[in-house]
Amino acid sequence: LEDSLWDGPGQLATSNTQQVRRIVSILQSLNLAVATPDDARRML
């Protein structure tokens, strides 16, 4: 919600979780794995 208040055209996101779930769904559709916190710690 810092970057966007929206979850679709004219539709306010009711939580940050909505946006996270949306991008996670897209990643899964692209057959991309989502990093865990420990994965991020390892990578960075």
All heavy atoms as atom14 arrays in JSON, in Angstrom:
{
  "sequence": "LEDSLWDGPGQLATSNTQQVRRIVSILQSLNLAVATPDDARRML",
  "atom14_mask": [
    [1, 1, 1, 1, 1, 1, 1, 1, 0, 0, 0, 0, 0, 0],
    [1, 1, 1, 1, 1, 1, 1, 1, 1, 0, 0, 0, 0, 0],
    [1, 1, 1, 1, 1, 1, 1, 1, 0, 0, 0, 0, 0, 0],
    [1, 1, 1, 1, 1, 1, 0, 0, 0, 0, 0, 0, 0, 0],
    [1, 1, 1, 1, 1, 1, 1, 1, 0, 0, 0, 0, 0, 0],
    [1, 1, 1, 1, 1, 1, 1, 1, 1, 1, 1, 1, 1, 1],
    [1, 1, 1, 1, 1, 1, 1, 1, 0, 0, 0, 0, 0, 0],
    [1, 1, 1, 1, 0, 0, 0, 0, 0, 0, 0, 0, 0, 0],
    [1, 1, 1, 1, 1, 1, 1, 0, 0, 0, 0, 0, 0, 0],
    [1, 1, 1, 1, 0, 0, 0, 0, 0, 0, 0, 0, 0, 0],
    [1, 1, 1, 1, 1, 1, 1, 1, 1, 0, 0, 0, 0, 0],
    [1, 1, 1, 1, 1, 1, 1, 1, 0, 0, 0, 0, 0, 0],
    [1, 1, 1, 1, 1, 0, 0, 0, 0, 0, 0, 0, 0, 0],
    [1, 1, 1, 1, 1, 1, 1, 0, 0, 0, 0, 0, 0, 0],
    [1, 1, 1, 1, 1, 1, 0, 0, 0, 0, 0, 0, 0, 0],
    [1, 1, 1, 1, 1, 1, 1, 1, 0, 0, 0, 0, 0, 0],
    [1, 1, 1, 1, 1, 1, 1, 0, 0, 0, 0, 0, 0, 0],
    [1, 1, 1, 1, 1, 1, 1, 1, 1, 0, 0, 0, 0, 0],
    [1, 1, 1, 1, 1, 1, 1, 1, 1, 0, 0, 0, 0, 0],
    [1, 1, 1, 1, 1, 1, 1, 0, 0, 0, 0, 0, 0, 0],
    [1, 1, 1, 1, 1, 1, 1, 1, 1, 1, 1, 0, 0, 0],
    [1, 1, 1, 1, 1, 1, 1, 1, 1, 1, 1, 0, 0, 0],
    [1, 1, 1, 1, 1, 1, 1, 1, 0, 0, 0, 0, 0, 0],
    [1, 1, 1, 1, 1, 1, 1, 0, 0, 0, 0, 0, 0, 0],
    [1, 1, 1, 1, 1, 1, 0, 0, 0, 0, 0, 0, 0, 0],
    [1, 1, 1, 1, 1, 1, 1, 1, 0, 0, 0, 0, 0, 0],
    [1, 1, 1, 1, 1, 1, 1, 1, 0, 0, 0, 0, 0, 0],
    [1, 1, 1, 1, 1, 1, 1, 1, 1, 0, 0, 0, 0, 0],
    [1, 1, 1, 1, 1, 1, 0, 0, 0, 0, 0, 0, 0, 0],
    [1, 1, 1, 1, 1, 1, 1, 1, 0, 0, 0, 0, 0, 0],
    [1, 1, 1, 1, 1, 1, 1, 1, 0, 0, 0, 0, 0, 0],
    [1, 1, 1, 1, 1, 1, 1, 1, 0, 0, 0, 0, 0, 0],
    [1, 1, 1, 1, 1, 0, 0, 0, 0, 0, 0, 0, 0, 0],
    [1, 1, 1, 1, 1, 1, 1, 0, 0, 0, 0, 0, 0, 0],
    [1, 1, 1, 1, 1, 0, 0, 0, 0, 0, 0, 0, 0, 0],
    [1, 1, 1, 1, 1, 1, 1, 0, 0, 0, 0, 0, 0, 0],
    [1, 1, 1, 1, 1, 1, 1, 0, 0, 0, 0, 0, 0, 0],
    [1, 1, 1, 1, 1, 1, 1, 1, 0, 0, 0, 0, 0, 0],
    [1, 1, 1, 1, 1, 1, 1, 1, 0, 0, 0, 0, 0, 0],
    [1, 1, 1, 1, 1, 0, 0, 0, 0, 0, 0, 0, 0, 0],
    [1, 1, 1, 1, 1, 1, 1, 1, 1, 1, 1, 0, 0, 0],
    [1, 1, 1, 1, 1, 1, 1, 1, 1, 1, 1, 0, 0, 0],
    [1, 1, 1, 1, 1, 1, 1, 1, 0, 0, 0, 0, 0, 0],
    [1, 1, 1, 1, 1, 1, 1, 1, 0, 0, 0, 0, 0, 0]
  ],
  "atom14_positions": [
    [[0.8, -1.21, 0.0], [0.0, 0.0, 0.0], [0.84, 1.27, 0.0], [0.32, 2.35, -0.28], [-0.96, -0.01, 1.19], [-2.02, -1.12, 1.19], [-2.93, -1.01, 2.4], [-2.84, -1.1, -0.08], [0.0, 0.0, 0.0], [0.0, 0.0, 0.0], [0.0, 0.0, 0.0], [0.0, 0.0, 0.0], [0.0, 0.0, 0.0], [0.0, 0.0, 0.0]],
    [[2.13, 1.18, 0.3], [2.98, 2.35, 0.11], [3.02, 2.77, -1.35], [3.02, 3.96, -1.66], [4.41, 2.07, 0.58], [5.39, 3.18, 0.2], [6.77, 3.03, 0.79], [6.99, 2.15, 1.64], [7.64, 3.83, 0.41], [0.0, 0.0, 0.0], [0.0, 0.0, 0.0], [0.0, 0.0, 0.0], [0.0, 0.0, 0.0], [0.0, 0.0, 0.0]],
    [[3.03, 1.79, -2.24], [3.23, 2.05, -3.66], [1.93, 2.17, -4.44], [1.88, 2.88, -5.45], [4.09, 0.95, -4.28], [5.4, 0.76, -3.54], [5.95, 1.77, -3.03], [5.89, -0.39, -3.45], [0.0, 0.0, 0.0], [0.0, 0.0, 0.0], [0.0, 0.0, 0.0], [0.0, 0.0, 0.0], [0.0, 0.0, 0.0], [0.0, 0.0, 0.0]],
    [[0.91, 1.48, -4.02], [-0.39, 1.52, -4.7], [-1.5, 1.19, -3.72], [-1.37, 0.25, -2.92], [-0.41, 0.51, -5.86], [-1.7, 0.47, -6.45], [0.0, 0.0, 0.0], [0.0, 0.0, 0.0], [0.0, 0.0, 0.0], [0.0, 0.0, 0.0], [0.0, 0.0, 0.0], [0.0, 0.0, 0.0], [0.0, 0.0, 0.0], [0.0, 0.0, 0.0]],
    [[-2.58, 1.94, -3.8], [-3.75, 1.66, -2.95], [-4.75, 0.73, -3.62], [-5.79, 0.44, -3.03], [-4.45, 2.98, -2.59], [-3.65, 3.97, -1.76], [-4.44, 5.27, -1.6], [-3.3, 3.39, -0.39], [0.0, 0.0, 0.0], [0.0, 0.0, 0.0], [0.0, 0.0, 0.0], [0.0, 0.0, 0.0], [0.0, 0.0, 0.0], [0.0, 0.0, 0.0]],
    [[-4.42, 0.21, -4.81], [-5.42, -0.43, -5.65], [-5.21, -1.93, -5.78], [-4.1, -2.44, -5.67], [-5.42, 0.23, -7.03], [-5.58, 1.71, -6.93], [-4.59, 2.66, -7.0], [-6.8, 2.41, -6.66], [-5.13, 3.91, -6.8], [-6.47, 3.8, -6.6], [-8.13, 2.01, -6.49], [-7.43, 4.78, -6.36], [-9.08, 3.0, -6.26], [-8.72, 4.36, -6.19]],
    [[-6.31, -2.61, -6.04], [-6.28, -4.04, -6.33], [-7.12, -4.31, -7.57], [-7.88, -5.27, -7.64], [-6.82, -4.85, -5.14], [-6.6, -6.35, -5.34], [-5.49, -6.73, -5.74], [-7.55, -7.13, -5.09], [0.0, 0.0, 0.0], [0.0, 0.0, 0.0], [0.0, 0.0, 0.0], [0.0, 0.0, 0.0], [0.0, 0.0, 0.0], [0.0, 0.0, 0.0]],
    [[-7.01, -3.42, -8.53], [-7.78, -3.51, -9.76], [-8.36, -2.15, -10.1], [-8.38, -1.25, -9.25], [0.0, 0.0, 0.0], [0.0, 0.0, 0.0], [0.0, 0.0, 0.0], [0.0, 0.0, 0.0], [0.0, 0.0, 0.0], [0.0, 0.0, 0.0], [0.0, 0.0, 0.0], [0.0, 0.0, 0.0], [0.0, 0.0, 0.0], [0.0, 0.0, 0.0]],
    [[-8.84, -1.97, -11.32], [-9.37, -0.66, -11.74], [-10.51, -0.18, -10.84], [-11.55, -0.84, -10.73], [-9.86, -0.93, -13.17], [-9.05, -2.09, -13.63], [-8.85, -2.95, -12.42], [0.0, 0.0, 0.0], [0.0, 0.0, 0.0], [0.0, 0.0, 0.0], [0.0, 0.0, 0.0], [0.0, 0.0, 0.0], [0.0, 0.0, 0.0], [0.0, 0.0, 0.0]],
    [[-10.29, 0.95, -10.17], [-11.31, 1.53, -9.31], [-11.6, 0.76, -8.04], [-12.54, 1.1, -7.31], [0.0, 0.0, 0.0], [0.0, 0.0, 0.0], [0.0, 0.0, 0.0], [0.0, 0.0, 0.0], [0.0, 0.0, 0.0], [0.0, 0.0, 0.0], [0.0, 0.0, 0.0], [0.0, 0.0, 0.0], [0.0, 0.0, 0.0], [0.0, 0.0, 0.0]],
    [[-10.79, -0.24, -7.73], [-11.04, -1.12, -6.58], [-9.93, -0.95, -5.56], [-8.79, -1.37, -5.81], [-11.12, -2.58, -7.04], [-11.42, -3.57, -5.93], [-12.83, -3.43, -5.39], [-13.77, -3.28, -6.16], [-12.97, -3.5, -4.09], [0.0, 0.0, 0.0], [0.0, 0.0, 0.0], [0.0, 0.0, 0.0], [0.0, 0.0, 0.0], [0.0, 0.0, 0.0]],
    [[-10.23, -0.34, -4.42], [-9.22, -0.21, -3.39], [-8.83, -1.57, -2.84], [-9.68, -2.43, -2.6], [-9.75, 0.66, -2.24], [-9.84, 2.17, -2.47], [-10.54, 2.83, -1.29], [-8.45, 2.79, -2.68], [0.0, 0.0, 0.0], [0.0, 0.0, 0.0], [0.0, 0.0, 0.0], [0.0, 0.0, 0.0], [0.0, 0.0, 0.0], [0.0, 0.0, 0.0]],
    [[-7.55, -1.76, -2.63], [-7.09, -2.96, -1.91], [-7.49, -2.82, -0.45], [-7.29, -1.76, 0.16], [-5.58, -3.09, -2.04], [0.0, 0.0, 0.0], [0.0, 0.0, 0.0], [0.0, 0.0, 0.0], [0.0, 0.0, 0.0], [0.0, 0.0, 0.0], [0.0, 0.0, 0.0], [0.0, 0.0, 0.0], [0.0, 0.0, 0.0], [0.0, 0.0, 0.0]],
    [[-8.04, -3.85, 0.11], [-8.44, -3.81, 1.52], [-7.32, -4.22, 2.46], [-7.47, -4.14, 3.68], [-9.66, -4.71, 1.75], [-9.33, -6.06, 1.41], [-10.85, -4.25, 0.91], [0.0, 0.0, 0.0], [0.0, 0.0, 0.0], [0.0, 0.0, 0.0], [0.0, 0.0, 0.0], [0.0, 0.0, 0.0], [0.0, 0.0, 0.0], [0.0, 0.0, 0.0]],
    [[-6.19, -4.64, 1.9], [-5.04, -5.02, 2.71], [-3.81, -5.14, 1.82], [-3.92, -5.27, 0.59], [-5.28, -6.37, 3.41], [-5.32, -7.42, 2.46], [0.0, 0.0, 0.0], [0.0, 0.0, 0.0], [0.0, 0.0, 0.0], [0.0, 0.0, 0.0], [0.0, 0.0, 0.0], [0.0, 0.0, 0.0], [0.0, 0.0, 0.0], [0.0, 0.0, 0.0]],
    [[-2.65, -5.13, 2.44], [-1.42, -5.44, 1.72], [-1.42, -6.87, 1.23], [-0.87, -7.19, 0.17], [-0.22, -5.22, 2.64], [0.13, -3.76, 2.84], [0.82, -3.16, 2.04], [-0.36, -3.19, 3.94], [0.0, 0.0, 0.0], [0.0, 0.0, 0.0], [0.0, 0.0, 0.0], [0.0, 0.0, 0.0], [0.0, 0.0, 0.0], [0.0, 0.0, 0.0]],
    [[-2.05, -7.73, 1.99], [-2.07, -9.16, 1.66], [-2.69, -9.41, 0.29], [-2.24, -10.29, -0.45], [-2.84, -9.94, 2.74], [-2.23, -9.68, 4.01], [-2.81, -11.42, 2.47], [0.0, 0.0, 0.0], [0.0, 0.0, 0.0], [0.0, 0.0, 0.0], [0.0, 0.0, 0.0], [0.0, 0.0, 0.0], [0.0, 0.0, 0.0], [0.0, 0.0, 0.0]],
    [[-3.71, -8.64, -0.07], [-4.32, -8.81, -1.38], [-3.3, -8.66, -2.49], [-3.27, -9.44, -3.45], [-5.44, -7.79, -1.58], [-6.77, -8.16, -0.95], [-7.84, -7.17, -1.36], [-7.64, -5.95, -1.32], [-9.0, -7.67, -1.75], [0.0, 0.0, 0.0], [0.0, 0.0, 0.0], [0.0, 0.0, 0.0], [0.0, 0.0, 0.0], [0.0, 0.0, 0.0]],
    [[-2.47, -7.65, -2.37], [-1.48, -7.39, -3.41], [-0.39, -8.47, -3.42], [0.07, -8.89, -4.48], [-0.87, -6.01, -3.23], [-1.88, -4.89, -3.43], [-1.27, -3.51, -3.21], [-0.14, -3.38, -2.76], [-2.03, -2.48, -3.53], [0.0, 0.0, 0.0], [0.0, 0.0, 0.0], [0.0, 0.0, 0.0], [0.0, 0.0, 0.0], [0.0, 0.0, 0.0]],
    [[0.02, -8.91, -2.24], [1.01, -9.99, -2.17], [0.45, -11.25, -2.81], [1.12, -11.92, -3.61], [1.44, -10.25, -0.71], [2.36, -11.47, -0.65], [2.14, -9.03, -0.13], [0.0, 0.0, 0.0], [0.0, 0.0, 0.0], [0.0, 0.0, 0.0], [0.0, 0.0, 0.0], [0.0, 0.0, 0.0], [0.0, 0.0, 0.0], [0.0, 0.0, 0.0]],
    [[-0.78, -11.6, -2.47], [-1.38, -12.8, -3.05], [-1.5, -12.7, -4.56], [-1.31, -13.69, -5.28], [-2.75, -13.04, -2.42], [-2.69, -13.56, -0.99], [-4.08, -13.68, -0.4], [-4.04, -14.24, 0.95], [-5.01, -14.13, 1.83], [-6.12, -13.44, 1.52], [-4.9, -14.66, 3.03], [0.0, 0.0, 0.0], [0.0, 0.0, 0.0], [0.0, 0.0, 0.0]],
    [[-1.8, -11.51, -5.05], [-1.95, -11.34, -6.49], [-0.63, -11.6, -7.21], [-0.57, -12.33, -8.2], [-2.47, -9.94, -6.81], [-2.74, -9.72, -8.3], [-3.36, -8.34, -8.55], [-4.72, -8.25, -8.03], [-5.8, -8.62, -8.72], [-5.67, -9.12, -9.94], [-7.0, -8.5, -8.19], [0.0, 0.0, 0.0], [0.0, 0.0, 0.0], [0.0, 0.0, 0.0]],
    [[0.46, -11.01, -6.71], [1.73, -11.22, -7.4], [2.24, -12.64, -7.19], [2.86, -13.23, -8.09], [2.78, -10.16, -6.97], [3.96, -10.17, -7.95], [3.25, -10.36, -5.54], [3.61, -9.89, -9.4], [0.0, 0.0, 0.0], [0.0, 0.0, 0.0], [0.0, 0.0, 0.0], [0.0, 0.0, 0.0], [0.0, 0.0, 0.0], [0.0, 0.0, 0.0]],
    [[1.99, -13.22, -6.04], [2.38, -14.62, -5.83], [1.65, -15.54, -6.8], [2.24, -16.47, -7.38], [2.12, -15.05, -4.37], [2.17, -16.57, -4.21], [3.14, -14.39, -3.44], [0.0, 0.0, 0.0], [0.0, 0.0, 0.0], [0.0, 0.0, 0.0], [0.0, 0.0, 0.0], [0.0, 0.0, 0.0], [0.0, 0.0, 0.0], [0.0, 0.0, 0.0]],
    [[0.38, -15.26, -7.03], [-0.39, -16.05, -8.0], [0.21, -15.93, -9.4], [0.3, -16.92, -10.14], [-1.84, -15.58, -8.0], [-2.59, -16.24, -9.01], [0.0, 0.0, 0.0], [0.0, 0.0, 0.0], [0.0, 0.0, 0.0], [0.0, 0.0, 0.0], [0.0, 0.0, 0.0], [0.0, 0.0, 0.0], [0.0, 0.0, 0.0], [0.0, 0.0, 0.0]],
    [[0.64, -14.72, -9.76], [1.26, -14.52, -11.07], [2.59, -15.28, -11.15], [2.89, -15.92, -12.16], [1.46, -13.02, -11.33], [0.09, -12.35, -11.53], [2.36, -12.78, -12.54], [0.14, -10.84, -11.53], [0.0, 0.0, 0.0], [0.0, 0.0, 0.0], [0.0, 0.0, 0.0], [0.0, 0.0, 0.0], [0.0, 0.0, 0.0], [0.0, 0.0, 0.0]],
    [[3.38, -15.21, -10.1], [4.64, -15.95, -10.09], [4.41, -17.44, -10.25], [5.13, -18.12, -11.01], [5.39, -15.68, -8.78], [5.89, -14.25, -8.56], [6.47, -14.09, -7.17], [6.92, -13.87, -9.61], [0.0, 0.0, 0.0], [0.0, 0.0, 0.0], [0.0, 0.0, 0.0], [0.0, 0.0, 0.0], [0.0, 0.0, 0.0], [0.0, 0.0, 0.0]],
    [[3.43, -17.96, -9.56], [3.12, -19.38, -9.68], [2.66, -19.73, -11.08], [3.01, -20.79, -11.62], [2.08, -19.78, -8.64], [2.6, -19.7, -7.21], [1.52, -19.84, -6.15], [0.32, -19.62, -6.43], [1.91, -20.19, -4.94], [0.0, 0.0, 0.0], [0.0, 0.0, 0.0], [0.0, 0.0, 0.0], [0.0, 0.0, 0.0], [0.0, 0.0, 0.0]],
    [[1.89, -18.83, -11.71], [1.44, -19.06, -13.08], [2.61, -19.08, -14.05], [2.55, -19.74, -15.1], [0.43, -17.98, -13.5], [-0.73, -18.04, -12.69], [0.0, 0.0, 0.0], [0.0, 0.0, 0.0], [0.0, 0.0, 0.0], [0.0, 0.0, 0.0], [0.0, 0.0, 0.0], [0.0, 0.0, 0.0], [0.0, 0.0, 0.0], [0.0, 0.0, 0.0]],
    [[3.67, -18.36, -13.72], [4.88, -18.34, -14.55], [5.86, -19.43, -14.17], [6.99, -19.47, -14.69], [5.56, -16.97, -14.42], [4.78, -15.77, -14.97], [5.48, -14.46, -14.59], [4.65, -15.86, -16.48], [0.0, 0.0, 0.0], [0.0, 0.0, 0.0], [0.0, 0.0, 0.0], [0.0, 0.0, 0.0], [0.0, 0.0, 0.0], [0.0, 0.0, 0.0]],
    [[5.43, -20.32, -13.26], [6.29, -21.42, -12.78], [7.55, -20.9, -12.1], [8.64, -21.49, -12.23], [6.65, -22.37, -13.92], [5.45, -23.13, -14.43], [4.6, -23.58, -13.66], [5.36, -23.3, -15.74], [0.0, 0.0, 0.0], [0.0, 0.0, 0.0], [0.0, 0.0, 0.0], [0.0, 0.0, 0.0], [0.0, 0.0, 0.0], [0.0, 0.0, 0.0]],
    [[7.4, -19.79, -11.37], [8.51, -19.22, -10.63], [8.31, -19.47, -9.13], [7.2, -19.31, -8.62], [8.61, -17.72, -10.89], [8.94, -17.32, -12.33], [8.76, -15.82, -12.53], [10.36, -17.75, -12.7], [0.0, 0.0, 0.0], [0.0, 0.0, 0.0], [0.0, 0.0, 0.0], [0.0, 0.0, 0.0], [0.0, 0.0, 0.0], [0.0, 0.0, 0.0]],
    [[9.36, -19.86, -8.45], [9.28, -20.15, -7.02], [9.4, -18.86, -6.21], [10.17, -17.96, -6.56], [10.39, -21.12, -6.61], [0.0, 0.0, 0.0], [0.0, 0.0, 0.0], [0.0, 0.0, 0.0], [0.0, 0.0, 0.0], [0.0, 0.0, 0.0], [0.0, 0.0, 0.0], [0.0, 0.0, 0.0], [0.0, 0.0, 0.0], [0.0, 0.0, 0.0]],
    [[8.64, -18.78, -5.13], [8.64, -17.6, -4.26], [9.65, -17.81, -3.14], [9.62, -18.83, -2.44], [7.23, -17.36, -3.7], [7.22, -16.14, -2.78], [6.23, -17.18, -4.83], [0.0, 0.0, 0.0], [0.0, 0.0, 0.0], [0.0, 0.0, 0.0], [0.0, 0.0, 0.0], [0.0, 0.0, 0.0], [0.0, 0.0, 0.0], [0.0, 0.0, 0.0]],
    [[10.53, -16.84, -2.96], [11.56, -16.94, -1.92], [10.96, -16.83, -0.53], [10.07, -16.02, -0.28], [12.61, -15.85, -2.12], [0.0, 0.0, 0.0], [0.0, 0.0, 0.0], [0.0, 0.0, 0.0], [0.0, 0.0, 0.0], [0.0, 0.0, 0.0], [0.0, 0.0, 0.0], [0.0, 0.0, 0.0], [0.0, 0.0, 0.0], [0.0, 0.0, 0.0]],
    [[11.46, -17.63, 0.39], [11.14, -17.49, 1.8], [12.05, -16.43, 2.42], [13.04, -16.0, 1.79], [11.36, -18.81, 2.55], [12.78, -19.11, 2.53], [10.59, -19.96, 1.88], [0.0, 0.0, 0.0], [0.0, 0.0, 0.0], [0.0, 0.0, 0.0], [0.0, 0.0, 0.0], [0.0, 0.0, 0.0], [0.0, 0.0, 0.0], [0.0, 0.0, 0.0]],
    [[11.78, -16.0, 3.65], [12.72, -15.07, 4.29], [14.15, -15.61, 4.35], [15.1, -14.86, 4.09], [12.11, -14.89, 5.68], [10.63, -15.05, 5.46], [10.53, -16.14, 4.44], [0.0, 0.0, 0.0], [0.0, 0.0, 0.0], [0.0, 0.0, 0.0], [0.0, 0.0, 0.0], [0.0, 0.0, 0.0], [0.0, 0.0, 0.0], [0.0, 0.0, 0.0]],
    [[14.31, -16.89, 4.64], [15.66, -17.45, 4.69], [16.3, -17.53, 3.32], [17.53, -17.39, 3.19], [15.65, -18.82, 5.37], [15.52, -18.72, 6.89], [15.79, -17.63, 7.44], [15.14, -19.72, 7.52], [0.0, 0.0, 0.0], [0.0, 0.0, 0.0], [0.0, 0.0, 0.0], [0.0, 0.0, 0.0], [0.0, 0.0, 0.0], [0.0, 0.0, 0.0]],
    [[15.5, -17.75, 2.28], [16.03, -17.68, 0.92], [16.57, -16.28, 0.63], [17.65, -16.11, 0.06], [14.94, -18.01, -0.11], [14.52, -19.46, -0.1], [15.36, -20.33, 0.2], [13.33, -19.72, -0.41], [0.0, 0.0, 0.0], [0.0, 0.0, 0.0], [0.0, 0.0, 0.0], [0.0, 0.0, 0.0], [0.0, 0.0, 0.0], [0.0, 0.0, 0.0]],
    [[15.8, -15.25, 1.02], [16.24, -13.87, 0.81], [17.52, -13.58, 1.59], [18.43, -12.9, 1.08], [15.14, -12.9, 1.21], [0.0, 0.0, 0.0], [0.0, 0.0, 0.0], [0.0, 0.0, 0.0], [0.0, 0.0, 0.0], [0.0, 0.0, 0.0], [0.0, 0.0, 0.0], [0.0, 0.0, 0.0], [0.0, 0.0, 0.0], [0.0, 0.0, 0.0]],
    [[17.61, -14.1, 2.81], [18.83, -13.9, 3.6], [20.03, -14.52, 2.91], [21.12, -13.95, 2.88], [18.64, -14.49, 4.99], [17.66, -13.73, 5.86], [17.56, -14.3, 7.27], [16.72, -13.43, 8.09], [15.43, -13.66, 8.34], [14.84, -14.76, 7.85], [14.73, -12.82, 9.07], [0.0, 0.0, 0.0], [0.0, 0.0, 0.0], [0.0, 0.0, 0.0]],
    [[19.84, -15.71, 2.35], [20.93, -16.38, 1.64], [21.33, -15.61, 0.39], [22.52, -15.37, 0.15], [20.49, -17.8, 1.28], [21.45, -18.53, 0.35], [20.94, -19.92, 0.03], [19.57, -19.91, -0.5], [19.26, -19.65, -1.76], [20.21, -19.35, -2.64], [18.0, -19.69, -2.17], [0.0, 0.0, 0.0], [0.0, 0.0, 0.0], [0.0, 0.0, 0.0]],
    [[20.36, -15.21, -0.41], [20.64, -14.53, -1.66], [21.34, -13.19, -1.44], [22.32, -12.86, -2.12], [19.34, -14.32, -2.43], [18.7, -15.61, -2.93], [16.96, -15.4, -3.41], [17.11, -14.31, -4.82], [0.0, 0.0, 0.0], [0.0, 0.0, 0.0], [0.0, 0.0, 0.0], [0.0, 0.0, 0.0], [0.0, 0.0, 0.0], [0.0, 0.0, 0.0]],
    [[20.84, -12.42, -0.48], [21.35, -11.07, -0.24], [22.49, -11.05, 0.78], [23.02, -9.98, 1.07], [20.22, -10.16, 0.22], [19.04, -10.02, -0.74], [17.95, -9.12, -0.14], [19.49, -9.47, -2.09], [0.0, 0.0, 0.0], [0.0, 0.0, 0.0], [0.0, 0.0, 0.0], [0.0, 0.0, 0.0], [0.0, 0.0, 0.0], [0.0, 0.0, 0.0]]
  ]
}
